[in-house]
Each structure stands twice: as structure tokens, then as C-alpha cells.
C-alpha atoms as a PDB file:
ATOM      1  CA  MET A   1       0.060  -0.088   0.017  1.00  0.00           C
ATOM      2  CA  THR A   2       1.218   3.492  -0.961  1.00  0.00           C
ATOM      3  CA  VAL A   3       0.754   6.168   1.748  1.00  0.00           C
ATOM      4  CA  ARG A   4       0.694   9.792   0.779  1.00  0.00           C
ATOM      5  CA  LYS A   5       2.600  12.077   3.141  1.00  0.00           C
ATOM      6  CA  SER A   6      -0.104  14.688   3.410  1.00  0.00           C
ATOM      7  CA  ALA A   7      -0.498  13.811   7.118  1.00  0.00           C
ATOM      8  CA  VAL A   8       1.612  12.652   9.950  1.00  0.00           C
ATOM      9  CA  VAL A   9       0.755  10.564  12.862  1.00  0.00           C
ATOM     10  CA  THR A  10       3.443  10.732  15.490  1.00  0.00           C
ATOM     11  CA  VAL A  11       3.917   9.145  18.954  1.00  0.00           C
ATOM     12  CA  VAL A  12       4.326  11.991  21.141  1.00  0.00           C
ATOM     13  CA  ASP A  13       4.300  10.413  24.641  1.00  0.00           C
ATOM     14  CA  SER A  14       4.854   7.084  26.154  1.00  0.00           C
ATOM     15  CA  ASN A  15       4.506   5.851  29.685  1.00  0.00           C
ATOM     16  CA  SER A  16       4.610   2.559  31.501  1.00  0.00           C
ATOM     17  CA  ILE A  17       1.715   1.956  33.728  1.00  0.00           C
ATOM     18  CA  SER A  18       1.836  -0.934  36.370  1.00  0.00           C
ATOM     19  CA  GLY A  19      -1.229  -2.642  37.242  1.00  0.00           C
ATOM     20  CA  ILE A  20      -1.951  -5.462  39.722  1.00  0.00           C
ATOM     21  CA  ALA A  21      -4.301  -8.402  38.932  1.00  0.00           C
ATOM     22  CA  GLY A  22      -4.284 -11.102  41.627  1.00  0.00           C
ATOM     23  CA  GLN A  23      -0.651 -11.737  42.444  1.00  0.00           C
ATOM     24  CA  GLN A  24       0.698 -10.580  38.963  1.00  0.00           C
ATOM     25  CA  HIS A  25       2.131  -7.464  37.838  1.00  0.00           C
ATOM     26  CA  HIS A  26       1.027  -6.125  34.262  1.00  0.00           C
ATOM     27  CA  HIS A  27       2.811  -3.367  32.639  1.00  0.00           C
ATOM     28  CA  TRP A  28       0.445  -1.396  30.008  1.00  0.00           C
ATOM     29  CA  GLN A  29       2.470   0.734  27.733  1.00  0.00           C
ATOM     30  CA  PHE A  30       0.862   3.324  25.690  1.00  0.00           C
ATOM     31  CA  GLY A  31       1.584   6.547  23.752  1.00  0.00           C
ATOM     32  CA  VAL A  32      -0.380   9.213  21.988  1.00  0.00           C
ATOM     33  CA  ILE A  33      -0.646   9.848  18.308  1.00  0.00           C
ATOM     34  CA  VAL A  34      -1.280  13.296  16.950  1.00  0.00           C
ATOM     35  CA  ILE A  35      -2.547  13.970  13.471  1.00  0.00           C
ATOM     36  CA  ASN A  36      -1.156  16.953  11.866  1.00  0.00           C
ATOM     37  CA  VAL A  37      -2.086  17.539   8.297  1.00  0.00           C
ATOM     38  CA  SER A  38       0.202  20.673   7.898  1.00  0.00           C
ATOM     39  CA  SER A  39       3.395  18.744   9.142  1.00  0.00           C
ATOM     40  CA  ALA A  40       5.836  17.286   6.531  1.00  0.00           C
ATOM     41  CA  ALA A  41       7.938  15.216   9.250  1.00  0.00           C
ATOM     42  CA  ALA A  42       8.087  14.414  12.677  1.00  0.00           C
ATOM     43  CA  ALA A  43      10.178  12.500  15.254  1.00  0.00           C
ATOM     44  CA  ALA A  44       9.058   9.821  17.667  1.00  0.00           C
ATOM     45  CA  SER A  45      10.477   7.985  20.434  1.00  0.00           C
ATOM     46  CA  MET A  46       9.181   5.395  22.633  1.00  0.00           C
ATOM     47  CA  VAL A  47      11.139   3.359  25.478  1.00  0.00           C
ATOM     48  CA  PRO A  48      10.765  -0.317  24.736  1.00  0.00           C
ATOM     49  CA  THR A  49       9.747  -2.720  27.693  1.00  0.00           C
ATOM     50  CA  SER A  50       9.928  -6.536  27.751  1.00  0.00           C
ATOM     51  CA  LEU A  51       6.363  -6.385  26.364  1.00  0.00           C
ATOM     52  CA  SER A  52       7.103  -4.542  23.316  1.00  0.00           C
ATOM     53  CA  SER A  53      10.034  -4.936  20.875  1.00  0.00           C
ATOM     54  CA  SER A  54       9.109  -1.922  18.792  1.00  0.00           C
ATOM     55  CA  GLU A  55      11.198   1.167  19.836  1.00  0.00           C
ATOM     56  CA  GLY A  56       8.631   3.602  18.332  1.00  0.00           C
ATOM     57  CA  ARG A  57       8.719   4.985  14.910  1.00  0.00           C
ATOM     58  CA  LEU A  58       7.431   7.664  12.526  1.00  0.00           C
ATOM     59  CA  LEU A  59       3.898   6.876  11.243  1.00  0.00           C
ATOM     60  CA  ASP A  60       2.935   8.671   8.114  1.00  0.00           C
ATOM     61  CA  ARG A  61      -0.499   8.572   7.438  1.00  0.00           C
ATOM     62  CA  GLN A  62      -3.178  10.248   5.374  1.00  0.00           C
ATOM     63  CA  VAL A  63      -6.240  11.876   6.875  1.00  0.00           C
ATOM     64  CA  GLY A  64      -9.326  10.779   4.561  1.00  0.00           C
ATOM     65  CA  ASN A  65     -13.102  10.047   4.581  1.00  0.00           C
ATOM     66  CA  CYS A  66     -14.086   7.721   7.296  1.00  0.00           C
ATOM     67  CA  ASN A  67     -17.072   5.533   7.085  1.00  0.00           C
ATOM     68  CA  ARG A  68     -19.412   6.384   9.924  1.00  0.00           C
ATOM     69  CA  GLU A  69     -21.738   3.497   9.251  1.00  0.00           C
ATOM     70  CA  ASN A  70     -21.412   2.031  12.729  1.00  0.00           C
ATOM     71  CA  TYR A  71     -20.874   4.884  14.609  1.00  0.00           C
ATOM     72  CA  SER A  72     -17.210   4.839  14.061  1.00  0.00           C
ATOM     73  CA  ASP A  73     -14.635   7.131  15.860  1.00  0.00           C
ATOM     74  CA  CYS A  74     -13.082   9.037  12.883  1.00  0.00           C
ATOM     75  CA  CYS A  75      -9.734  10.894  13.345  1.00  0.00           C
ATOM     76  CA  GLU A  76      -9.555  14.543  13.609  1.00  0.00           C
ATOM     77  CA  ASP A  77      -6.884  16.895  12.337  1.00  0.00           C
ATOM     78  CA  GLY A  78      -4.675  17.928  15.235  1.00  0.00           C
ATOM     79  CA  LYS A  79      -6.209  15.647  17.848  1.00  0.00           C
ATOM     80  CA  LYS A  80      -4.225  13.347  20.147  1.00  0.00           C
ATOM     81  CA  TYR A  81      -5.185   9.697  20.227  1.00  0.00           C
ATOM     82  CA  PRO A  82      -3.764   7.020  22.933  1.00  0.00           C
ATOM     83  CA  GLN A  83      -1.788   3.941  21.719  1.00  0.00           C
ATOM     84  CA  TYR A  84      -1.839   0.700  23.509  1.00  0.00           C
ATOM     85  CA  ARG A  85       0.453  -2.285  22.838  1.00  0.00           C
ATOM     86  CA  CYS A  86      -0.937  -4.226  25.649  1.00  0.00           C
ATOM     87  CA  SER A  87      -4.310  -5.446  26.968  1.00  0.00           C
ATOM     88  CA  PRO A  88      -5.359  -6.678  30.486  1.00  0.00           C
ATOM     89  CA  PRO A  89      -4.773 -10.307  31.213  1.00  0.00           C
ATOM     90  CA  VAL A  90      -7.250 -12.930  29.534  1.00  0.00           C
ATOM     91  CA  THR A  91      -8.892 -15.087  32.113  1.00  0.00           C
ATOM     92  CA  ALA A  92     -11.916 -17.306  32.115  1.00  0.00           C
ATOM     93  CA  GLU A  93     -14.004 -14.126  32.482  1.00  0.00           C
ATOM     94  CA  THR A  94     -12.487 -11.289  30.831  1.00  0.00           C
ATOM     95  CA  PRO A  95     -14.140  -7.982  30.980  1.00  0.00           C
ATOM     96  CA  ALA A  96     -14.249  -6.157  27.753  1.00  0.00           C
ATOM     97  CA  THR A  97     -16.163  -3.511  25.837  1.00  0.00           C
ATOM     98  CA  MET A  98     -17.835  -4.696  22.556  1.00  0.00           C
ATOM     99  CA  THR A  99     -18.186  -2.381  19.662  1.00  0.00           C
ATOM    100  CA  LEU A 100     -19.810  -2.681  16.307  1.00  0.00           C
ATOM    101  CA  ASN A 101     -17.894  -3.273  13.086  1.00  0.00           C
ATOM    102  CA  SER A 102     -18.822  -4.503   9.537  1.00  0.00           C
ATOM    103  CA  PHE A 103     -16.129  -6.829   8.133  1.00  0.00           C
ATOM    104  CA  ALA A 104     -17.837  -6.547   4.781  1.00  0.00           C
ATOM    105  CA  LYS A 105     -16.294  -5.257   1.660  1.00  0.00           C
ATOM    106  CA  GLY A 106     -17.213  -1.375   1.697  1.00  0.00           C
ATOM    107  CA  GLY A 107     -17.926  -1.472   5.328  1.00  0.00           C
ATOM    108  CA  ASP A 108     -16.496   0.469   8.308  1.00  0.00           C
ATOM    109  CA  GLY A 109     -13.985  -2.118   8.739  1.00  0.00           C
ATOM    110  CA  GLY A 110     -11.577  -0.905   6.263  1.00  0.00           C
ATOM    111  CA  GLY A 111      -9.463  -3.546   4.433  1.00  0.00           C
ATOM    112  CA  PRO A 112      -9.756  -7.336   4.521  1.00  0.00           C
ATOM    113  CA  SER A 113      -9.437  -9.022   7.876  1.00  0.00           C
ATOM    114  CA  GLU A 114      -5.706  -9.730   8.908  1.00  0.00           C
ATOM    115  CA  CYS A 115      -6.093 -13.340   9.525  1.00  0.00           C
ATOM    116  CA  ASP A 116      -7.308 -14.665   6.146  1.00  0.00           C
ATOM    117  CA  ASN A 117      -7.172 -11.616   4.031  1.00  0.00           C
ATOM    118  CA  LYS A 118     -10.807 -11.882   3.278  1.00  0.00           C
ATOM    119  CA  TYR A 119     -14.090  -9.953   3.785  1.00  0.00           C
ATOM    120  CA  HIS A 120     -16.772 -11.318   6.071  1.00  0.00           C
ATOM    121  CA  PRO A 121     -20.553 -10.685   5.421  1.00  0.00           C
ATOM    122  CA  ASP A 122     -22.569  -9.084   8.317  1.00  0.00           C
ATOM    123  CA  ASP A 123     -24.477 -12.195   9.122  1.00  0.00           C
ATOM    124  CA  GLU A 124     -21.158 -14.136   9.885  1.00  0.00           C
ATOM    125  CA  MET A 125     -20.239 -14.599  13.605  1.00  0.00           C
ATOM    126  CA  VAL A 126     -16.742 -12.892  13.454  1.00  0.00           C
ATOM    127  CA  VAL A 127     -14.871 -10.373  15.774  1.00  0.00           C
ATOM    128  CA  ALA A 128     -11.580  -8.234  15.977  1.00  0.00           C
ATOM    129  CA  LEU A 129      -9.550  -8.002  19.207  1.00  0.00           C
ATOM    130  CA  SER A 130      -7.539  -5.149  20.580  1.00  0.00           C
ATOM    131  CA  THR A 131      -3.668  -5.607  19.925  1.00  0.00           C
ATOM    132  CA  GLY A 132      -2.734  -7.055  23.022  1.00  0.00           C
ATOM    133  CA  TRP A 133      -5.632  -9.644  22.827  1.00  0.00           C
ATOM    134  CA  PHE A 134      -4.855 -10.307  19.371  1.00  0.00           C
ATOM    135  CA  ASP A 135      -1.437 -11.329  20.579  1.00  0.00           C
ATOM    136  CA  GLY A 136       0.409 -11.383  17.240  1.00  0.00           C
ATOM    137  CA  MET A 137      -2.277 -13.303  15.334  1.00  0.00           C
ATOM    138  CA  SER A 138      -2.070 -16.191  17.948  1.00  0.00           C
ATOM    139  CA  ARG A 139      -5.884 -16.190  18.285  1.00  0.00           C
ATOM    140  CA  CYS A 140      -6.523 -16.057  14.325  1.00  0.00           C
ATOM    141  CA  LEU A 141      -9.249 -18.091  13.159  1.00  0.00           C
ATOM    142  CA  LYS A 142     -10.030 -19.309  16.777  1.00  0.00           C
ATOM    143  CA  ASN A 143     -13.441 -19.062  18.565  1.00  0.00           C
ATOM    144  CA  ILE A 144     -13.935 -16.908  21.568  1.00  0.00           C
ATOM    145  CA  MET A 145     -17.167 -17.179  23.786  1.00  0.00           C
ATOM    146  CA  ILE A 146     -18.966 -13.949  24.332  1.00  0.00           C
ATOM    147  CA  ASN A 147     -21.321 -13.559  27.262  1.00  0.00           C
ATOM    148  CA  ALA A 148     -23.717 -10.425  27.593  1.00  0.00           C
ATOM    149  CA  ASN A 149     -27.365  -9.566  28.166  1.00  0.00           C
ATOM    150  CA  GLY A 150     -27.846 -12.883  29.513  1.00  0.00           C
ATOM    151  CA  ASN A 151     -26.711 -14.719  26.202  1.00  0.00           C
ATOM    152  CA  SER A 152     -23.850 -16.134  24.890  1.00  0.00           C
ATOM    153  CA  VAL A 153     -22.293 -16.682  21.313  1.00  0.00           C
ATOM    154  CA  LEU A 154     -19.123 -18.212  19.800  1.00  0.00           C
ATOM    155  CA  ALA A 155     -17.492 -15.954  17.423  1.00  0.00           C
ATOM    156  CA  LYS A 156     -14.368 -16.275  15.394  1.00  0.00           C
ATOM    157  CA  VAL A 157     -11.355 -14.087  15.514  1.00  0.00           C
ATOM    158  CA  VAL A 158     -10.491 -12.779  12.081  1.00  0.00           C
ATOM    159  CA  ASP A 159      -8.949  -9.540  12.651  1.00  0.00           C
ATOM    160  CA  GLU A 160      -7.063  -7.017  14.821  1.00  0.00           C
ATOM    161  CA  CYS A 161      -8.656  -4.060  16.223  1.00  0.00           C
ATOM    162  CA  ASN A 162      -5.491  -2.034  16.139  1.00  0.00           C
ATOM    163  CA  SER A 163      -4.648  -0.083  19.210  1.00  0.00           C
ATOM    164  CA  VAL A 164      -1.237   1.178  18.035  1.00  0.00           C
ATOM    165  CA  ASN A 165      -2.055   2.273  14.286  1.00  0.00           C
ATOM    166  CA  GLY A 166      -4.988   4.145  12.749  1.00  0.00           C
ATOM    167  CA  CYS A 167      -6.034   6.996  10.854  1.00  0.00           C
ATOM    168  CA  ASP A 168      -5.100   5.539   7.645  1.00  0.00           C
ATOM    169  CA  LYS A 169      -6.759   3.935   4.586  1.00  0.00           C
ATOM    170  CA  ASP A 170      -6.227   0.326   6.037  1.00  0.00           C
ATOM    171  CA  HIS A 171      -8.110   1.328   9.201  1.00  0.00           C
ATOM    172  CA  ASP A 172     -10.750   3.378   7.502  1.00  0.00           C
ATOM    173  CA  PHE A 173      -9.448   6.552   8.805  1.00  0.00           C
ATOM    174  CA  GLN A 174     -10.766   5.600  12.370  1.00  0.00           C
ATOM    175  CA  THR A 175      -8.827   6.206  15.535  1.00  0.00           C
ATOM    176  CA  PRO A 176      -6.787   3.317  17.268  1.00  0.00           C
ATOM    177  CA  CYS A 177      -8.837   1.068  19.327  1.00  0.00           C
ATOM    178  CA  ALA A 178      -8.731   0.934  23.173  1.00  0.00           C
ATOM    179  CA  ASN A 179      -6.889  -2.033  24.656  1.00  0.00           C
ATOM    180  CA  ASN A 180      -9.940  -3.661  25.836  1.00  0.00           C
ATOM    181  CA  ILE A 181     -12.140  -4.084  22.675  1.00  0.00           C
ATOM    182  CA  VAL A 182     -13.904  -6.838  21.004  1.00  0.00           C
ATOM    183  CA  ASP A 183     -15.153  -5.451  17.970  1.00  0.00           C
ATOM    184  CA  ALA A 184     -18.207  -7.697  16.600  1.00  0.00           C
ATOM    185  CA  SER A 185     -20.061  -7.977  13.491  1.00  0.00           C
ATOM    186  CA  PRO A 186     -23.876  -7.304  13.308  1.00  0.00           C
ATOM    187  CA  ALA A 187     -24.460 -10.815  13.583  1.00  0.00           C
ATOM    188  CA  VAL A 188     -22.896 -11.259  17.157  1.00  0.00           C
ATOM    189  CA  TRP A 189     -24.849  -8.192  18.205  1.00  0.00           C
ATOM    190  CA  LYS A 190     -28.151  -9.934  17.201  1.00  0.00           C
ATOM    191  CA  VAL A 191     -27.627 -13.150  18.882  1.00  0.00           C
ATOM    192  CA  LEU A 192     -26.787 -11.460  22.100  1.00  0.00           C
ATOM    193  CA  GLY A 193     -29.968  -9.240  21.657  1.00  0.00           C
ATOM    194  CA  ILE A 194     -28.373  -5.956  21.923  1.00  0.00           C
ATOM    195  CA  PRO A 195     -29.508  -3.194  19.570  1.00  0.00           C
ATOM    196  CA  LYS A 196     -26.885  -1.623  17.402  1.00  0.00           C
ATOM    197  CA  GLU A 197     -27.937   1.809  18.487  1.00  0.00           C
ATOM    198  CA  VAL A 198     -26.327   0.945  21.838  1.00  0.00           C
ATOM    199  CA  ARG A 199     -22.912   1.605  20.114  1.00  0.00           C
ATOM    200  CA  GLU A 200     -20.864  -0.207  22.707  1.00  0.00           C
ATOM    201  CA  HIS A 201     -21.784  -2.864  25.480  1.00  0.00           C
ATOM    202  CA  SER A 202     -20.001  -4.290  28.390  1.00  0.00           C
ATOM    203  CA  ILE A 203     -19.276  -8.082  27.990  1.00  0.00           C
ATOM    204  CA  ILE A 204     -17.388 -10.957  29.292  1.00  0.00           C
ATOM    205  CA  TRP A 205     -15.293 -13.081  26.893  1.00  0.00           C
ATOM    206  CA  SER A 206     -12.936 -16.037  27.228  1.00  0.00           C
ATOM    207  CA  ASP A 207     -11.140 -18.363  24.813  1.00  0.00           C
ATOM    208  CA  ALA A 208     -13.433 -21.069  23.527  1.00  0.00           C
END
């Protein structure tokens, strides 16, 4: 993919946050990206941790039209957006926020799904997971169990809800995802009995 350098998305801040879950310590690393249409270049730096092999980099992005079909968060010029490389630990009952996404061609999901390089119709039970939970494609094409609203559904992981990159064509010019997102197809929402107008809903998920 060719990216026009009419805009720059830059990591401008990074921190390590220590959280405690049970007896384990989890380090969440995040940064902030800024969209600046008028900039021609910018420098970025991020202190790597054991949870991230990336040292930060210049992210050239193009600001363009964003499909607002499913209440998408579209990038705005000059606004800062957090970046997360890690997600909360996965347990038998992992709390998350479910958002709505179309994985179909022409939908608000942008390009083809990362796991299989395919589009998926809205009646298919599929999801995308935040970068930390996507775990380098380790959950690709595997099912997860989602519980919400008194209902349960099995859904296949086909894509990453990118918590680091965004504001480009591949991500439909949407902001990076939060680190606790299960981005689900309309079919998943329907089975769970949750109206799309809710936009986001608290769920519990686990590996199936």
C-alpha cells in the first residue's frame, strides 16, 4: 500500500503503567498519536519494555474520508489519540467493551481481515480483538465465547482492532482502538439481543 505523506501521525508521549491483577504485575505501555495535516515530518521515540519489541517509529498517515456506518470514531486533524501495545490479562471471565463493526467489503472495517485476507458478510459471527489480545495473530481463526445481556455466542477471531495504528486507509481513517475492545459483527450483536444503537456494551469473553 502506498501512503501519501500529506499527514503525519506521531508518537508524542509514552509511559509505562503498572497494574496489579491477583498476584501478577502487568505493565501497560501506551503512547499518543497526533494527526497534523500541515506537518511534513516528525520524530518519535518510545522506550521499549519487555512487552514491546518496537522502539517507536514515524507513522506517516493520510487523513481521509471515514465510514461512519456503525458510529465509528473518525480521526480529526490535530487531535491526540492514545496508543496501547498491551491489553488486560485474559482469564476465564475477561471483561471487555464490545463495539460494532462491519467486516464486509465497503463496510466501516476498512481493508480485508488480517487473519485470512478476506471480507466477511454481516451475518457471519466474527470479531476483531485489541492488539494485546490479538497477540500477534495467535488467536486467528479461533473461537471466543462472548457473554452479555443473558446470552452467549461463539465468534471467530478474524482481525485485529489495532490499538497502535490508525488514521489511515487500512483502518478506514478511524482512531486506534482502546486496549479492551472486542469489535463484533452485526450478527454477534443480534444473537446477544443488543440493539446496534447502543454503540458499545460491556461483555465478558474467554477463549473457547
